Amino acid sequence: MAVSTHRPANGEDQPPVGIDELLERVRAGYQRIEPHEAYEAGRAGDALLVDIRYAALRERDGLIPGAAVVERNELEWRLDPQGSHRLPEATSHALRIVVICNEGYASSLAVQSLHQLGLHQATDLVGGFQAWQRAGLPVE
């Protein structure tokens, strides 16, 4: 029987990490935002709300007024201020971004990726769109 000699790129032997532990580690690196705070920040122009839910969920549940809709697989390209495919709003690494998925899980992993691009003001919505809706915030 062959024994795997694969080692992580950093040279350390580390056991695999489950998704719950990974989310915990990722979320420890930034402050998440609650629905009412996100609503106020978006309304005041202090944050760009970014909805990464897939089309079927947006069609089923509606949209957050004023939120940019960016499919998850395009997120980094659309928000990188140095990118040629960026959104018009993505002009600075200091931009405060609130990523919104359906329940607040995928958005946490998306925030980790945005932080790696230098977008350190990126955060995500605790509970995602479902929490936004439960809080009675506007949906169209």
Protein backbone atom coordinates (compact mmCIF):
# COMPACT_ATOMS: atom_id res chain seq x y z
CA MET A 1 0.00 0.00 0.00
CA ALA A 2 1.36 3.43 -0.96
CA VAL A 3 1.76 6.06 1.73
CA SER A 4 0.97 9.64 0.79
CA THR A 5 3.89 12.03 1.09
CA HIS A 6 1.80 15.13 0.36
CA ARG A 7 2.58 17.96 2.74
CA PRO A 8 0.85 21.32 3.01
CA ALA A 9 2.58 24.16 1.17
CA ASN A 10 3.66 25.69 4.48
CA GLY A 11 5.54 22.51 5.38
CA GLU A 12 3.56 21.91 8.58
CA ASP A 13 1.69 18.72 9.34
CA GLN A 14 -1.81 19.85 10.21
CA PRO A 15 -4.91 17.70 10.43
CA PRO A 16 -7.80 18.50 8.11
CA VAL A 17 -10.17 21.22 9.30
CA GLY A 18 -13.95 20.73 9.22
CA ILE A 19 -16.22 23.48 7.92
CA ASP A 20 -17.47 24.46 11.38
CA GLU A 21 -13.93 25.01 12.64
CA LEU A 22 -12.98 26.82 9.44
CA LEU A 23 -15.94 29.20 9.82
CA GLU A 24 -14.99 29.82 13.44
CA ARG A 25 -11.40 30.65 12.47
CA VAL A 26 -12.45 32.91 9.60
CA ARG A 27 -15.04 34.79 11.66
CA ALA A 28 -12.55 35.37 14.48
CA GLY A 29 -10.65 37.68 12.13
CA TYR A 30 -13.35 40.36 11.73
CA GLN A 31 -16.52 41.82 13.21
CA ARG A 32 -19.73 40.57 11.59
CA ILE A 33 -22.72 42.88 11.21
CA GLU A 34 -26.36 42.51 12.29
CA PRO A 35 -29.27 43.23 9.90
CA HIS A 36 -30.36 46.62 11.28
CA GLU A 37 -26.78 47.91 11.36
CA ALA A 38 -26.25 46.75 7.77
CA TYR A 39 -29.48 48.42 6.70
CA GLU A 40 -28.46 51.74 8.26
CA ALA A 41 -24.91 51.55 6.81
CA GLY A 42 -26.27 50.83 3.34
CA ARG A 43 -28.93 53.53 3.56
CA ALA A 44 -26.38 56.12 4.75
CA GLY A 45 -23.95 55.21 1.97
CA ASP A 46 -21.38 54.00 4.51
CA ALA A 47 -21.28 50.46 3.11
CA LEU A 48 -21.84 48.64 -0.15
CA LEU A 49 -24.29 45.78 0.40
CA VAL A 50 -23.46 42.86 -1.89
CA ASP A 51 -25.94 40.02 -2.42
CA ILE A 52 -24.16 36.83 -3.50
CA ARG A 53 -27.21 34.53 -3.43
CA TYR A 54 -27.85 32.56 -6.57
CA ALA A 55 -30.65 33.59 -8.95
CA ALA A 56 -33.23 31.03 -7.79
CA LEU A 57 -33.07 32.35 -4.21
CA ARG A 58 -33.29 35.97 -5.35
CA GLU A 59 -36.30 35.12 -7.51
CA ARG A 60 -37.95 33.18 -4.68
CA ASP A 61 -37.31 35.61 -1.81
CA GLY A 62 -36.70 39.00 -3.42
CA LEU A 63 -33.92 41.56 -3.35
CA ILE A 64 -32.53 44.02 -0.85
CA PRO A 65 -33.16 47.48 -2.32
CA GLY A 66 -29.89 49.12 -3.35
CA ALA A 67 -27.76 46.01 -2.88
CA ALA A 68 -25.36 45.09 -5.66
CA VAL A 69 -26.05 41.60 -6.99
CA VAL A 70 -22.80 39.75 -7.66
CA GLU A 71 -22.74 36.00 -8.17
CA ARG A 72 -20.32 34.34 -5.75
CA ASN A 73 -18.08 33.08 -8.55
CA GLU A 74 -17.57 36.69 -9.76
CA LEU A 75 -17.18 38.38 -6.39
CA GLU A 76 -13.41 38.90 -6.30
CA TRP A 77 -13.31 40.17 -9.89
CA ARG A 78 -16.17 42.60 -9.32
CA LEU A 79 -14.89 44.03 -6.01
CA ASP A 80 -11.13 44.23 -6.60
CA PRO A 81 -10.43 47.97 -6.95
CA GLN A 82 -7.48 47.14 -9.21
CA GLY A 83 -9.48 44.78 -11.42
CA SER A 84 -10.57 45.50 -14.97
CA HIS A 85 -14.00 43.94 -14.31
CA ARG A 86 -14.76 45.78 -11.08
CA LEU A 87 -18.07 47.37 -10.17
CA PRO A 88 -18.11 51.17 -10.50
CA GLU A 89 -18.46 51.38 -6.68
CA ALA A 90 -15.31 49.30 -6.08
CA THR A 91 -12.83 52.16 -6.18
CA SER A 92 -10.85 51.68 -2.97
CA HIS A 93 -9.48 49.02 -0.67
CA ALA A 94 -10.99 51.09 2.16
CA LEU A 95 -14.52 50.41 0.87
CA ARG A 96 -16.77 48.94 3.54
CA ILE A 97 -18.49 45.91 2.04
CA VAL A 98 -21.26 43.81 3.60
CA VAL A 99 -21.53 40.43 1.88
CA ILE A 100 -24.96 38.79 2.08
CA CYS A 101 -25.70 35.17 1.28
CA ASN A 102 -28.85 33.25 2.17
CA GLU A 103 -28.07 32.25 5.77
CA GLY A 104 -24.67 33.76 6.61
CA TYR A 105 -22.31 30.87 5.93
CA ALA A 106 -21.01 31.24 2.36
CA SER A 107 -20.68 34.97 2.96
CA SER A 108 -18.13 34.36 5.73
CA LEU A 109 -15.92 32.39 3.37
CA ALA A 110 -16.37 35.09 0.73
CA VAL A 111 -15.20 37.73 3.22
CA GLN A 112 -12.03 35.73 3.85
CA SER A 113 -11.28 35.87 0.14
CA LEU A 114 -11.96 39.63 0.00
CA HIS A 115 -9.61 40.18 2.95
CA GLN A 116 -6.89 38.34 1.00
CA LEU A 117 -7.39 40.94 -1.77
CA GLY A 118 -6.76 43.72 0.75
CA LEU A 119 -10.42 44.61 1.27
CA HIS A 120 -10.08 44.57 5.05
CA GLN A 121 -13.31 46.51 5.67
CA ALA A 122 -15.35 43.63 4.22
CA THR A 123 -17.73 41.85 6.58
CA ASP A 124 -20.85 39.73 6.28
CA LEU A 125 -24.39 39.75 7.52
CA VAL A 126 -25.10 37.51 10.52
CA GLY A 127 -27.88 35.16 9.43
CA GLY A 128 -27.77 36.36 5.82
CA PHE A 129 -30.80 37.37 3.80
CA GLN A 130 -33.07 35.21 5.95
CA ALA A 131 -32.14 37.27 9.05
CA TRP A 132 -32.68 40.49 7.05
CA GLN A 133 -36.15 39.31 6.13
CA ARG A 134 -36.99 38.15 9.69
CA ALA A 135 -35.94 41.60 10.95
CA GLY A 136 -38.66 43.11 8.76
CA LEU A 137 -36.19 45.11 6.66
CA PRO A 138 -37.14 46.17 3.11
CA VAL A 139 -37.28 43.56 0.35
CA GLU A 140 -38.47 44.12 -3.20
